[in-house]
Amino acid sequence: NKDGENHNLSWNCGAEGITDRLDVNRLRQRQMRNFQCALLLSHGVPMLQMGDEFGHSKAGNNNTYCHDSELNWVDWQQVAADSHGFARFTRQLITFRHTHPELRRTSYVNDNDVQWHGEAAFKPDWTDSSRLVAYTLKKNAPEVGGLYVAFNSGHTPKVVELPHWHGRAWCVVVDTGKLAPYDILIPDAELAPEEAEQVSSSCVIENSNITLWCTRQ
């Protein structure tokens, strides 16, 4: 289209516009979940534009103010259908944010609140070539809860070691590379409680992927 600026620092995931390619559509769904996580797992006030909660991409048009058409209209039937589970993913991620004070701080984190990791726990890789960053967030002490978040923006999977917190076990909550409803493991009408609990001490983070873990006793 010719509606907006041509200098776009964006990526079409391998095909331009609407496509039937399964690999492209799967990657686009994963990237949508990645960006939603980057927003809703950040500190501060998250700001969503209407339609972002269900993937209203406007077909990639970055300047739609002049369109009074289906390109701009919000299709509430699409929200209700939620064929890819993205609206559910957003809804559950917002619920998770509401129930975890670590994500709703009113002051900046310090070294007592956040710890950085790489493929090995407590060993972050800050080099220019690294495409993996992970961190843990806690409230006041590990025994009262905590979160582990890992971003892999590279094109190859990574095996990461989860940090050992005495008396706590890590349970996966989000894996943006999984199909719904297994992309966010919070029990609801789509996911039984026994399917939602996965405990581990390490995990594989697929390429272009974000994972979120929380601790329990």
N, C-alpha and C. Protein backbone atom coordinates (compact mmCIF):
# COMPACT_ATOMS: atom_id res chain seq x y z
N ASN A 1 0.84 -1.19 0.00
CA ASN A 1 0.00 0.00 0.00
C ASN A 1 0.87 1.25 0.00
N LYS A 2 0.27 2.39 -0.30
CA LYS A 2 1.00 3.66 -0.38
C LYS A 2 0.50 4.65 0.66
N ASP A 3 -0.10 4.15 1.73
CA ASP A 3 -0.70 5.05 2.72
C ASP A 3 0.31 5.64 3.69
N GLY A 4 1.38 4.91 3.99
CA GLY A 4 2.29 5.36 5.03
C GLY A 4 3.73 5.46 4.56
N GLU A 5 4.60 5.64 5.51
CA GLU A 5 6.03 5.74 5.25
C GLU A 5 6.56 4.43 4.67
N ASN A 6 7.44 4.53 3.66
CA ASN A 6 7.98 3.33 3.04
C ASN A 6 9.19 2.76 3.78
N HIS A 7 9.80 3.57 4.64
CA HIS A 7 10.97 3.11 5.39
C HIS A 7 10.50 2.38 6.64
N ASN A 8 10.09 1.12 6.48
CA ASN A 8 9.54 0.35 7.59
C ASN A 8 10.58 -0.64 8.10
N LEU A 9 10.86 -0.57 9.38
CA LEU A 9 11.78 -1.51 10.01
C LEU A 9 10.96 -2.70 10.54
N SER A 10 10.29 -3.37 9.63
CA SER A 10 9.41 -4.47 9.99
C SER A 10 9.79 -5.71 9.19
N TRP A 11 9.12 -6.81 9.49
CA TRP A 11 9.43 -8.08 8.85
C TRP A 11 8.13 -8.83 8.61
N ASN A 12 7.96 -9.36 7.41
CA ASN A 12 6.70 -10.03 7.06
C ASN A 12 6.70 -11.52 7.39
N CYS A 13 7.75 -12.00 8.04
CA CYS A 13 7.88 -13.41 8.46
C CYS A 13 8.00 -14.38 7.29
N GLY A 14 8.28 -13.86 6.10
CA GLY A 14 8.55 -14.75 4.97
C GLY A 14 7.57 -14.67 3.83
N ALA A 15 6.51 -13.91 3.97
CA ALA A 15 5.53 -13.74 2.88
C ALA A 15 4.87 -12.38 3.04
N GLU A 16 4.51 -11.78 1.94
CA GLU A 16 3.88 -10.46 1.98
C GLU A 16 2.37 -10.61 1.98
N GLY A 17 1.72 -9.97 2.96
CA GLY A 17 0.26 -9.98 3.01
C GLY A 17 -0.31 -11.31 3.49
N ILE A 18 -1.60 -11.50 3.23
CA ILE A 18 -2.29 -12.72 3.63
C ILE A 18 -1.70 -13.92 2.89
N THR A 19 -1.49 -15.01 3.60
CA THR A 19 -0.87 -16.19 3.00
C THR A 19 -1.48 -17.46 3.59
N ASP A 20 -1.38 -18.55 2.82
CA ASP A 20 -1.81 -19.87 3.30
C ASP A 20 -0.66 -20.67 3.87
N ARG A 21 0.55 -20.10 3.87
CA ARG A 21 1.72 -20.83 4.36
C ARG A 21 1.63 -21.03 5.87
N LEU A 22 1.60 -22.28 6.29
CA LEU A 22 1.45 -22.60 7.71
C LEU A 22 2.62 -22.06 8.53
N ASP A 23 3.86 -22.20 8.00
CA ASP A 23 5.02 -21.77 8.77
C ASP A 23 5.01 -20.27 9.00
N VAL A 24 4.58 -19.50 8.00
CA VAL A 24 4.52 -18.05 8.14
C VAL A 24 3.45 -17.65 9.14
N ASN A 25 2.27 -18.24 9.04
CA ASN A 25 1.18 -17.90 9.95
C ASN A 25 1.50 -18.30 11.38
N ARG A 26 2.17 -19.44 11.57
CA ARG A 26 2.57 -19.85 12.91
C ARG A 26 3.57 -18.86 13.50
N LEU A 27 4.54 -18.43 12.68
CA LEU A 27 5.53 -17.47 13.16
C LEU A 27 4.90 -16.13 13.49
N ARG A 28 3.95 -15.70 12.68
CA ARG A 28 3.26 -14.43 12.96
C ARG A 28 2.51 -14.51 14.28
N GLN A 29 1.83 -15.63 14.53
CA GLN A 29 1.12 -15.80 15.80
C GLN A 29 2.11 -15.78 16.98
N ARG A 30 3.26 -16.42 16.79
CA ARG A 30 4.27 -16.42 17.84
C ARG A 30 4.78 -15.01 18.11
N GLN A 31 5.05 -14.26 17.06
CA GLN A 31 5.57 -12.91 17.24
C GLN A 31 4.54 -11.99 17.91
N MET A 32 3.27 -12.18 17.58
CA MET A 32 2.23 -11.40 18.26
C MET A 32 2.24 -11.68 19.76
N ARG A 33 2.41 -12.94 20.13
CA ARG A 33 2.47 -13.28 21.54
C ARG A 33 3.75 -12.74 22.18
N ASN A 34 4.84 -12.77 21.43
CA ASN A 34 6.09 -12.22 21.96
C ASN A 34 5.94 -10.75 22.33
N PHE A 35 5.35 -9.98 21.42
CA PHE A 35 5.21 -8.54 21.68
C PHE A 35 4.22 -8.28 22.80
N GLN A 36 3.17 -9.10 22.89
CA GLN A 36 2.22 -8.92 23.98
C GLN A 36 2.90 -9.21 25.33
N CYS A 37 3.77 -10.22 25.35
CA CYS A 37 4.52 -10.51 26.58
C CYS A 37 5.47 -9.37 26.92
N ALA A 38 6.19 -8.87 25.92
CA ALA A 38 7.13 -7.79 26.16
C ALA A 38 6.43 -6.59 26.78
N LEU A 39 5.18 -6.35 26.39
CA LEU A 39 4.42 -5.24 26.95
C LEU A 39 3.91 -5.56 28.35
N LEU A 40 3.23 -6.68 28.51
CA LEU A 40 2.51 -6.95 29.75
C LEU A 40 3.39 -7.51 30.86
N LEU A 41 4.63 -7.89 30.53
CA LEU A 41 5.56 -8.31 31.57
C LEU A 41 6.53 -7.19 31.95
N SER A 42 6.32 -6.01 31.37
CA SER A 42 7.16 -4.85 31.68
C SER A 42 6.56 -4.06 32.84
N HIS A 43 7.41 -3.25 33.47
CA HIS A 43 6.91 -2.35 34.51
C HIS A 43 6.29 -1.12 33.86
N GLY A 44 5.50 -0.40 34.64
CA GLY A 44 4.82 0.75 34.08
C GLY A 44 3.40 0.39 33.67
N VAL A 45 2.73 1.32 33.03
CA VAL A 45 1.34 1.13 32.63
C VAL A 45 1.29 0.60 31.20
N PRO A 46 0.82 -0.63 30.97
CA PRO A 46 0.74 -1.15 29.60
C PRO A 46 -0.37 -0.44 28.84
N MET A 47 -0.09 -0.12 27.59
CA MET A 47 -1.06 0.60 26.76
C MET A 47 -1.34 -0.22 25.50
N LEU A 48 -2.59 -0.67 25.36
CA LEU A 48 -3.03 -1.44 24.21
C LEU A 48 -3.96 -0.60 23.36
N GLN A 49 -3.73 -0.60 22.06
CA GLN A 49 -4.68 0.03 21.14
C GLN A 49 -5.82 -0.96 20.90
N MET A 50 -7.04 -0.44 20.80
CA MET A 50 -8.18 -1.31 20.60
C MET A 50 -7.97 -2.21 19.38
N GLY A 51 -8.09 -3.49 19.58
CA GLY A 51 -7.86 -4.46 18.53
C GLY A 51 -6.59 -5.24 18.74
N ASP A 52 -5.63 -4.67 19.48
CA ASP A 52 -4.38 -5.38 19.75
C ASP A 52 -4.63 -6.64 20.57
N GLU A 53 -5.73 -6.66 21.30
CA GLU A 53 -5.98 -7.82 22.17
C GLU A 53 -6.38 -9.07 21.39
N PHE A 54 -6.77 -8.91 20.12
CA PHE A 54 -7.12 -10.10 19.34
C PHE A 54 -6.40 -10.15 18.00
N GLY A 55 -5.42 -9.28 17.79
CA GLY A 55 -4.60 -9.37 16.58
C GLY A 55 -5.15 -8.62 15.39
N HIS A 56 -5.73 -7.45 15.63
CA HIS A 56 -6.26 -6.62 14.54
C HIS A 56 -5.09 -5.89 13.87
N SER A 57 -4.45 -6.54 12.91
CA SER A 57 -3.20 -6.03 12.34
C SER A 57 -3.40 -5.00 11.23
N LYS A 58 -4.64 -4.83 10.76
CA LYS A 58 -4.94 -3.91 9.65
C LYS A 58 -4.14 -4.27 8.40
N ALA A 59 -3.88 -5.57 8.26
CA ALA A 59 -3.17 -6.11 7.10
C ALA A 59 -1.79 -5.48 6.91
N GLY A 60 -1.21 -5.01 8.00
CA GLY A 60 0.12 -4.43 7.93
C GLY A 60 0.17 -2.97 7.52
N ASN A 61 -0.99 -2.35 7.30
CA ASN A 61 -1.03 -0.94 6.91
C ASN A 61 -0.72 -0.07 8.13
N ASN A 62 0.27 0.83 8.01
CA ASN A 62 0.69 1.62 9.16
C ASN A 62 0.11 3.03 9.18
N ASN A 63 -0.89 3.28 8.33
CA ASN A 63 -1.44 4.64 8.25
C ASN A 63 -2.89 4.56 7.76
N THR A 64 -3.77 4.02 8.62
CA THR A 64 -5.12 3.68 8.15
C THR A 64 -6.17 4.73 8.49
N TYR A 65 -5.77 5.92 8.92
CA TYR A 65 -6.78 6.89 9.37
C TYR A 65 -7.78 7.26 8.29
N CYS A 66 -7.39 7.15 7.03
CA CYS A 66 -8.25 7.57 5.93
C CYS A 66 -9.17 6.46 5.42
N HIS A 67 -9.11 5.29 6.03
CA HIS A 67 -9.89 4.15 5.55
C HIS A 67 -11.14 3.94 6.39
N ASP A 68 -12.30 4.08 5.77
CA ASP A 68 -13.56 3.69 6.38
C ASP A 68 -13.99 2.39 5.71
N SER A 69 -13.34 1.31 6.11
CA SER A 69 -13.54 0.02 5.45
C SER A 69 -13.19 -1.10 6.42
N GLU A 70 -13.29 -2.35 5.93
CA GLU A 70 -12.95 -3.50 6.76
C GLU A 70 -11.50 -3.48 7.22
N LEU A 71 -10.67 -2.74 6.51
CA LEU A 71 -9.27 -2.63 6.91
C LEU A 71 -9.15 -2.03 8.31
N ASN A 72 -10.04 -1.09 8.62
CA ASN A 72 -9.98 -0.37 9.89
C ASN A 72 -11.01 -0.84 10.90
N TRP A 73 -12.11 -1.36 10.46
CA TRP A 73 -13.19 -1.72 11.37
C TRP A 73 -12.76 -2.84 12.31
N VAL A 74 -13.26 -2.77 13.54
CA VAL A 74 -13.03 -3.84 14.50
C VAL A 74 -14.14 -4.88 14.34
N ASP A 75 -13.75 -6.10 14.04
CA ASP A 75 -14.69 -7.19 13.80
C ASP A 75 -14.88 -7.97 15.10
N TRP A 76 -15.96 -7.67 15.82
CA TRP A 76 -16.18 -8.31 17.11
C TRP A 76 -16.51 -9.79 16.97
N GLN A 77 -16.99 -10.20 15.80
CA GLN A 77 -17.19 -11.63 15.57
C GLN A 77 -15.86 -12.37 15.54
N GLN A 78 -14.83 -11.70 15.05
CA GLN A 78 -13.49 -12.30 15.06
C GLN A 78 -13.02 -12.49 16.49
N VAL A 79 -13.34 -11.53 17.36
CA VAL A 79 -12.97 -11.65 18.76
C VAL A 79 -13.65 -12.85 19.39
N ALA A 80 -14.95 -12.99 19.13
CA ALA A 80 -15.71 -14.08 19.72
C ALA A 80 -15.22 -15.43 19.22
N ALA A 81 -14.89 -15.51 17.93
CA ALA A 81 -14.42 -16.78 17.36
C ALA A 81 -13.05 -17.15 17.91
N ASP A 82 -12.15 -16.17 18.00
CA ASP A 82 -10.81 -16.37 18.56
C ASP A 82 -10.17 -17.64 18.02
N SER A 83 -10.12 -17.76 16.70
CA SER A 83 -9.72 -19.01 16.06
C SER A 83 -8.29 -19.42 16.38
N HIS A 84 -7.42 -18.45 16.69
CA HIS A 84 -6.02 -18.77 17.02
C HIS A 84 -5.73 -18.68 18.52
N GLY A 85 -6.75 -18.35 19.31
CA GLY A 85 -6.57 -18.29 20.76
C GLY A 85 -5.81 -17.08 21.25
N PHE A 86 -5.64 -16.06 20.40
CA PHE A 86 -4.83 -14.93 20.82
C PHE A 86 -5.56 -14.04 21.83
N ALA A 87 -6.87 -13.89 21.68
CA ALA A 87 -7.63 -13.09 22.64
C ALA A 87 -7.59 -13.76 24.02
N ARG A 88 -7.69 -15.08 24.04
CA ARG A 88 -7.56 -15.81 25.31
C ARG A 88 -6.17 -15.59 25.90
N PHE A 89 -5.15 -15.68 25.07
CA PHE A 89 -3.78 -15.48 25.54
C PHE A 89 -3.65 -14.11 26.20
N THR A 90 -4.14 -13.07 25.55
CA THR A 90 -4.05 -11.72 26.09
C THR A 90 -4.83 -11.60 27.40
N ARG A 91 -6.03 -12.14 27.41
CA ARG A 91 -6.87 -12.07 28.61
C ARG A 91 -6.19 -12.74 29.80
N GLN A 92 -5.63 -13.93 29.57
CA GLN A 92 -4.99 -14.65 30.67
C GLN A 92 -3.68 -13.99 31.10
N LEU A 93 -2.98 -13.39 30.16
CA LEU A 93 -1.75 -12.69 30.52
C LEU A 93 -2.05 -11.45 31.37
N ILE A 94 -3.13 -10.76 31.06
CA ILE A 94 -3.55 -9.61 31.88
C ILE A 94 -3.94 -10.08 33.28
N THR A 95 -4.66 -11.20 33.36
CA THR A 95 -5.01 -11.77 34.66
C THR A 95 -3.76 -12.12 35.46
N PHE A 96 -2.78 -12.72 34.79
CA PHE A 96 -1.53 -13.07 35.47
C PHE A 96 -0.84 -11.82 35.99
N ARG A 97 -0.83 -10.77 35.20
CA ARG A 97 -0.20 -9.51 35.64
C ARG A 97 -0.91 -8.97 36.88
N HIS A 98 -2.22 -9.02 36.90
CA HIS A 98 -2.99 -8.50 38.04
C HIS A 98 -2.69 -9.26 39.32
N THR A 99 -2.37 -10.54 39.20
CA THR A 99 -2.19 -11.37 40.39
C THR A 99 -0.73 -11.50 40.83
N HIS A 100 0.18 -10.78 40.17
CA HIS A 100 1.60 -10.87 40.53
C HIS A 100 2.17 -9.47 40.75
N PRO A 101 2.34 -9.08 42.01
CA PRO A 101 2.84 -7.74 42.34
C PRO A 101 4.22 -7.45 41.76
N GLU A 102 5.02 -8.50 41.46
CA GLU A 102 6.34 -8.27 40.88
C GLU A 102 6.26 -7.46 39.58
N LEU A 103 5.12 -7.55 38.90
CA LEU A 103 4.95 -6.88 37.61
C LEU A 103 4.27 -5.52 37.74
N ARG A 104 3.90 -5.15 38.95
CA ARG A 104 3.16 -3.89 39.14
C ARG A 104 3.83 -3.02 40.20
N ARG A 105 5.13 -2.87 40.08
CA ARG A 105 5.90 -2.10 41.05
C ARG A 105 5.64 -0.60 40.87
N THR A 106 5.85 0.12 41.95
CA THR A 106 5.74 1.57 41.91
C THR A 106 7.10 2.24 42.05
N SER A 107 8.17 1.43 42.06
CA SER A 107 9.52 1.97 42.14
C SER A 107 10.43 1.12 41.26
N TYR A 108 11.60 1.65 40.94
CA TYR A 108 12.53 0.93 40.10
C TYR A 108 13.10 -0.29 40.82
N VAL A 109 13.39 -1.33 40.04
CA VAL A 109 14.00 -2.52 40.64
C VAL A 109 15.45 -2.24 40.97
N ASN A 110 15.98 -3.01 41.91
CA ASN A 110 17.40 -2.93 42.25
C ASN A 110 17.98 -4.34 42.22
N ASP A 111 19.22 -4.48 42.63
CA ASP A 111 19.90 -5.78 42.56
C ASP A 111 19.27 -6.82 43.46
N ASN A 112 18.50 -6.38 44.43
CA ASN A 112 17.82 -7.34 45.30
C ASN A 112 16.55 -7.89 44.66
N ASP A 113 16.06 -7.20 43.64
CA ASP A 113 14.79 -7.59 43.01
C ASP A 113 14.97 -8.37 41.72
N VAL A 114 16.04 -8.11 40.99
CA VAL A 114 16.22 -8.71 39.67
C VAL A 114 17.60 -9.36 39.58
N GLN A 115 17.64 -10.51 38.94
CA GLN A 115 18.90 -11.20 38.65
C GLN A 115 18.89 -11.61 37.18
N TRP A 116 20.04 -11.47 36.53
CA TRP A 116 20.13 -11.71 35.09
C TRP A 116 20.78 -13.06 34.80
N HIS A 117 20.33 -13.69 33.70
CA HIS A 117 20.80 -15.03 33.36
C HIS A 117 21.04 -15.15 31.85
N GLY A 118 21.83 -16.14 31.50
CA GLY A 118 22.00 -16.52 30.10
C GLY A 118 21.55 -17.96 29.94
N GLU A 119 22.25 -18.72 29.11
CA GLU A 119 21.92 -20.13 29.01
C GLU A 119 22.19 -20.83 30.34
N ALA A 120 23.17 -20.35 31.09
CA ALA A 120 23.43 -20.82 32.45
C ALA A 120 22.87 -19.80 33.44
N ALA A 121 22.34 -20.29 34.54
CA ALA A 121 21.79 -19.39 35.55
C ALA A 121 22.86 -18.47 36.10
N PHE A 122 22.52 -17.21 36.28
CA PHE A 122 23.37 -16.17 36.86
C PHE A 122 24.57 -15.82 35.97
N LYS A 123 24.55 -16.23 34.69
CA LYS A 123 25.65 -15.94 33.77
C LYS A 123 25.11 -15.31 32.49
N PRO A 124 24.68 -14.05 32.55
CA PRO A 124 24.15 -13.40 31.35
C PRO A 124 25.24 -13.15 30.31
N ASP A 125 24.86 -13.18 29.06
CA ASP A 125 25.79 -12.90 27.96
C ASP A 125 25.42 -11.54 27.37
N TRP A 126 26.24 -10.52 27.66
CA TRP A 126 25.95 -9.16 27.21
C TRP A 126 26.68 -8.81 25.91
N THR A 127 27.24 -9.80 25.22
CA THR A 127 27.96 -9.51 23.97
C THR A 127 26.99 -9.14 22.86
N ASP A 128 27.51 -8.47 21.83
CA ASP A 128 26.67 -8.01 20.72
C ASP A 128 26.03 -9.16 19.96
N SER A 129 26.65 -10.33 19.98
CA SER A 129 26.14 -11.46 19.21
C SER A 129 25.05 -12.25 19.94
N SER A 130 24.87 -11.98 21.22
CA SER A 130 23.89 -12.73 22.00
C SER A 130 22.47 -12.34 21.61
N ARG A 131 21.60 -13.33 21.49
CA ARG A 131 20.19 -13.10 21.18
C ARG A 131 19.29 -13.66 22.28
N LEU A 132 19.89 -13.92 23.43
CA LEU A 132 19.14 -14.47 24.56
C LEU A 132 19.35 -13.61 25.79
N VAL A 133 18.26 -13.25 26.44
CA VAL A 133 18.36 -12.57 27.73
C VAL A 133 17.27 -13.15 28.63
N ALA A 134 17.64 -13.39 29.88
CA ALA A 134 16.70 -13.94 30.84
C ALA A 134 16.91 -13.25 32.18
N TYR A 135 15.87 -13.22 32.99
CA TYR A 135 15.98 -12.59 34.30
C TYR A 135 14.95 -13.19 35.25
N THR A 136 15.22 -13.07 36.53
CA THR A 136 14.25 -13.43 37.56
C THR A 136 13.84 -12.17 38.30
N LEU A 137 12.57 -12.13 38.65
CA LEU A 137 12.01 -11.05 39.46
C LEU A 137 11.44 -11.67 40.72
N LYS A 138 11.67 -11.03 41.84
CA LYS A 138 11.08 -11.52 43.08
C LYS A 138 10.46 -10.35 43.84
N LYS A 139 9.69 -10.69 44.85
CA LYS A 139 9.06 -9.66 45.67
C LYS A 139 10.10 -9.14 46.67
N ASN A 140 10.17 -9.79 47.81
CA ASN A 140 11.16 -9.39 48.81
C ASN A 140 12.17 -10.50 49.09
N ALA A 141 11.75 -11.74 48.87
CA ALA A 141 12.63 -12.89 49.09
C ALA A 141 12.11 -14.04 48.25
N PRO A 142 12.98 -14.95 47.83
CA PRO A 142 12.53 -16.06 46.98
C PRO A 142 11.41 -16.89 47.57
N GLU A 143 11.36 -17.01 48.91
CA GLU A 143 10.35 -17.88 49.50
C GLU A 143 8.94 -17.32 49.39
N VAL A 144 8.77 -16.10 48.92
CA VAL A 144 7.42 -15.54 48.78
C VAL A 144 7.06 -15.36 47.31
N GLY A 145 7.71 -16.09 46.42
CA GLY A 145 7.31 -16.07 45.02
C GLY A 145 8.37 -15.45 44.14
N GLY A 146 8.22 -15.64 42.86
CA GLY A 146 9.15 -15.07 41.90
C GLY A 146 8.83 -15.51 40.49
N LEU A 147 9.41 -14.81 39.52
CA LEU A 147 9.17 -15.08 38.11
C LEU A 147 10.50 -15.23 37.38
N TYR A 148 10.51 -16.09 36.37
CA TYR A 148 11.65 -16.23 35.47
C TYR A 148 11.14 -15.96 34.07
N VAL A 149 11.78 -15.02 33.36
CA VAL A 149 11.37 -14.65 32.01
C VAL A 149 12.58 -14.78 31.09
N ALA A 150 12.42 -15.41 29.94
CA ALA A 150 13.51 -15.57 28.98
C ALA A 150 13.04 -15.17 27.59
N PHE A 151 13.85 -14.34 26.93
CA PHE A 151 13.59 -13.88 25.56
C PHE A 151 14.67 -14.47 24.65
N ASN A 152 14.27 -15.21 23.65
CA ASN A 152 15.20 -15.71 22.64
C ASN A 152 14.80 -15.13 21.29
N SER A 153 15.51 -14.11 20.84
CA SER A 153 15.19 -13.47 19.56
C SER A 153 16.01 -14.05 18.41
N GLY A 154 16.83 -15.06 18.71
CA GLY A 154 17.67 -15.66 17.67
C GLY A 154 16.90 -16.64 16.81
N HIS A 155 17.60 -17.23 15.84
CA HIS A 155 16.97 -18.16 14.90
C HIS A 155 17.23 -19.61 15.26
N THR A 156 17.83 -19.86 16.42
CA THR A 156 18.09 -21.23 16.86
C THR A 156 17.57 -21.40 18.29
N PRO A 157 17.08 -22.61 18.62
CA PRO A 157 16.62 -22.86 20.00
C PRO A 157 17.78 -22.81 20.99
N LYS A 158 17.45 -22.52 22.24
CA LYS A 158 18.45 -22.50 23.31
C LYS A 158 17.94 -23.31 24.50
N VAL A 159 18.85 -24.06 25.11
CA VAL A 159 18.54 -24.75 26.35
C VAL A 159 19.02 -23.89 27.51
N VAL A 160 18.12 -23.52 28.41
CA VAL A 160 18.49 -22.66 29.53
C VAL A 160 18.35 -23.41 30.84
N GLU A 161 19.24 -23.07 31.75
CA GLU A 161 19.20 -23.62 33.11
C GLU A 161 18.43 -22.64 33.99
N LEU A 162 17.42 -23.15 34.66
CA LEU A 162 16.66 -22.30 35.58
C LEU A 162 17.40 -22.19 36.91
N PRO A 163 17.41 -21.02 37.52
CA PRO A 163 18.14 -20.85 38.79
C PRO A 163 17.50 -21.68 39.89
N HIS A 164 18.34 -22.17 40.79
CA HIS A 164 17.85 -22.96 41.93
C HIS A 164 17.49 -22.03 43.07
N TRP A 165 16.22 -22.08 43.47
CA TRP A 165 15.76 -21.35 44.64
C TRP A 165 15.33 -22.38 45.68
N HIS A 166 15.96 -22.37 46.81
CA HIS A 166 15.74 -23.39 47.83
C HIS A 166 14.26 -23.46 48.22
N GLY A 167 13.71 -24.66 48.19
CA GLY A 167 12.34 -24.87 48.62
C GLY A 167 11.29 -24.47 47.60
N ARG A 168 11.73 -24.10 46.39
CA ARG A 168 10.78 -23.67 45.37
C ARG A 168 10.95 -24.51 44.11
N ALA A 169 9.89 -24.67 43.34
CA ALA A 169 9.93 -25.36 42.05
C ALA A 169 9.43 -24.42 40.97
N TRP A 170 10.02 -24.52 39.78
CA TRP A 170 9.63 -23.65 38.67
C TRP A 170 8.53 -24.31 37.84
N CYS A 171 7.46 -23.58 37.59
CA CYS A 171 6.33 -24.05 36.78
C CYS A 171 6.19 -23.13 35.58
N VAL A 172 6.13 -23.71 34.39
CA VAL A 172 6.00 -22.90 33.19
C VAL A 172 4.59 -22.31 33.11
N VAL A 173 4.51 -21.06 32.73
CA VAL A 173 3.23 -20.36 32.58
C VAL A 173 2.99 -20.01 31.12
N VAL A 174 4.02 -19.47 30.44
CA VAL A 174 3.86 -19.03 29.05
C VAL A 174 4.96 -19.64 28.20
N ASP A 175 4.58 -20.12 27.03
CA ASP A 175 5.53 -20.54 25.99
C ASP A 175 4.92 -20.08 24.67
N THR A 176 5.45 -19.00 24.13
CA THR A 176 4.81 -18.39 22.95
C THR A 176 4.95 -19.25 21.69
N GLY A 177 5.79 -20.28 21.74
CA GLY A 177 5.94 -21.16 20.60
C GLY A 177 4.91 -22.26 20.53
N LYS A 178 4.10 -22.42 21.59
CA LYS A 178 3.10 -23.49 21.63
C LYS A 178 1.78 -23.00 21.05
N LEU A 179 1.01 -23.97 20.54
CA LEU A 179 -0.32 -23.67 20.04
C LEU A 179 -1.28 -23.51 21.22
N ALA A 180 -2.32 -22.68 21.02
CA ALA A 180 -3.35 -22.52 22.04
C ALA A 180 -4.07 -23.85 22.25
N PRO A 181 -4.47 -24.17 23.49
CA PRO A 181 -4.38 -23.34 24.69
C PRO A 181 -3.09 -23.54 25.49
N TYR A 182 -2.10 -24.25 24.90
CA TYR A 182 -0.88 -24.57 25.65
C TYR A 182 0.14 -23.44 25.59
N ASP A 183 -0.20 -22.32 24.97
CA ASP A 183 0.69 -21.16 24.95
C ASP A 183 0.72 -20.45 26.29
N ILE A 184 -0.37 -20.55 27.06
CA ILE A 184 -0.39 -19.98 28.41
C ILE A 184 -1.13 -20.96 29.31
N LEU A 185 -0.41 -21.50 30.28
CA LEU A 185 -0.91 -22.61 31.08
C LEU A 185 -1.60 -22.11 32.34
N ILE A 186 -2.77 -21.51 32.12
CA ILE A 186 -3.62 -21.07 33.22
C ILE A 186 -4.97 -21.75 33.02
N PRO A 187 -5.43 -22.52 34.01
CA PRO A 187 -6.68 -23.27 33.82
C PRO A 187 -7.87 -22.37 33.53
N ASP A 188 -8.68 -22.80 32.60
CA ASP A 188 -9.93 -22.11 32.26
C ASP A 188 -10.80 -23.10 31.51
N ALA A 189 -11.78 -22.59 30.78
CA ALA A 189 -12.69 -23.47 30.04
C ALA A 189 -11.97 -24.23 28.93
N GLU A 190 -10.81 -23.72 28.50
CA GLU A 190 -10.06 -24.35 27.42
C GLU A 190 -8.98 -25.30 27.91
N LEU A 191 -8.60 -25.19 29.17
CA LEU A 191 -7.44 -25.94 29.67
C LEU A 191 -7.73 -26.47 31.07
N ALA A 192 -7.67 -27.80 31.21
CA ALA A 192 -7.93 -28.43 32.51
C ALA A 192 -6.76 -28.18 33.46
N PRO A 193 -7.03 -28.14 34.78
CA PRO A 193 -5.96 -27.88 35.75
C PRO A 193 -4.79 -28.85 35.65
N GLU A 194 -5.07 -30.13 35.40
CA GLU A 194 -3.98 -31.11 35.33
C GLU A 194 -3.10 -30.90 34.10
N GLU A 195 -3.61 -30.22 33.09
CA GLU A 195 -2.82 -29.93 31.90
C GLU A 195 -1.98 -28.68 32.07
N ALA A 196 -2.28 -27.89 33.09
CA ALA A 196 -1.66 -26.58 33.24
C ALA A 196 -0.39 -26.60 34.08
N GLU A 197 -0.07 -27.72 34.72
CA GLU A 197 1.07 -27.74 35.63
C GLU A 197 2.23 -28.52 35.04
N GLN A 198 3.32 -27.83 34.77
CA GLN A 198 4.54 -28.44 34.27
C GLN A 198 5.71 -27.91 35.08
N VAL A 199 6.41 -28.80 35.76
CA VAL A 199 7.53 -28.42 36.64
C VAL A 199 8.82 -28.90 36.00
N SER A 200 9.89 -28.08 36.06
CA SER A 200 11.16 -28.47 35.47
C SER A 200 12.28 -27.63 36.06
N SER A 201 13.52 -28.07 35.82
CA SER A 201 14.69 -27.30 36.24
C SER A 201 15.43 -26.71 35.04
N SER A 202 15.01 -27.06 33.83
CA SER A 202 15.59 -26.50 32.61
C SER A 202 14.54 -26.53 31.52
N CYS A 203 14.77 -25.82 30.44
CA CYS A 203 13.80 -25.82 29.35
C CYS A 203 14.48 -25.45 28.05
N VAL A 204 13.85 -25.82 26.95
CA VAL A 204 14.29 -25.43 25.62
C VAL A 204 13.45 -24.24 25.17
N ILE A 205 14.12 -23.15 24.82
CA ILE A 205 13.42 -21.97 24.32
C ILE A 205 13.60 -21.94 22.81
N GLU A 206 12.51 -22.11 22.09
CA GLU A 206 12.58 -22.14 20.64
C GLU A 206 13.02 -20.78 20.09
N ASN A 207 13.39 -20.77 18.81
CA ASN A 207 13.78 -19.51 18.18
C ASN A 207 12.59 -18.55 18.16
N SER A 208 12.91 -17.26 18.26
CA SER A 208 11.90 -16.19 18.28
C SER A 208 10.80 -16.53 19.29
N ASN A 209 11.20 -16.69 20.53
CA ASN A 209 10.28 -17.22 21.52
C ASN A 209 10.48 -16.55 22.88
N ILE A 210 9.41 -16.51 23.68
CA ILE A 210 9.48 -16.03 25.05
C ILE A 210 8.86 -17.08 25.95
N THR A 211 9.49 -17.36 27.09
CA THR A 211 8.91 -18.24 28.08
C THR A 211 8.84 -17.50 29.41
N LEU A 212 7.83 -17.84 30.19
CA LEU A 212 7.61 -17.27 31.51
C LEU A 212 7.37 -18.41 32.49
N TRP A 213 8.09 -18.38 33.61
CA TRP A 213 7.92 -19.39 34.66
C TRP A 213 7.64 -18.68 35.98
N CYS A 214 6.90 -19.34 36.85
CA CYS A 214 6.71 -18.82 38.20
C CYS A 214 7.05 -19.92 39.20
N THR A 215 7.36 -19.55 40.43
CA THR A 215 7.75 -20.53 41.44
C THR A 215 6.57 -20.89 42.31
N ARG A 216 6.64 -22.09 42.85
CA ARG A 216 5.71 -22.53 43.88
C ARG A 216 6.45 -23.40 44.88
N GLN A 217 5.89 -23.55 46.05
CA GLN A 217 6.51 -24.39 47.07
C GLN A 217 6.23 -25.86 46.79
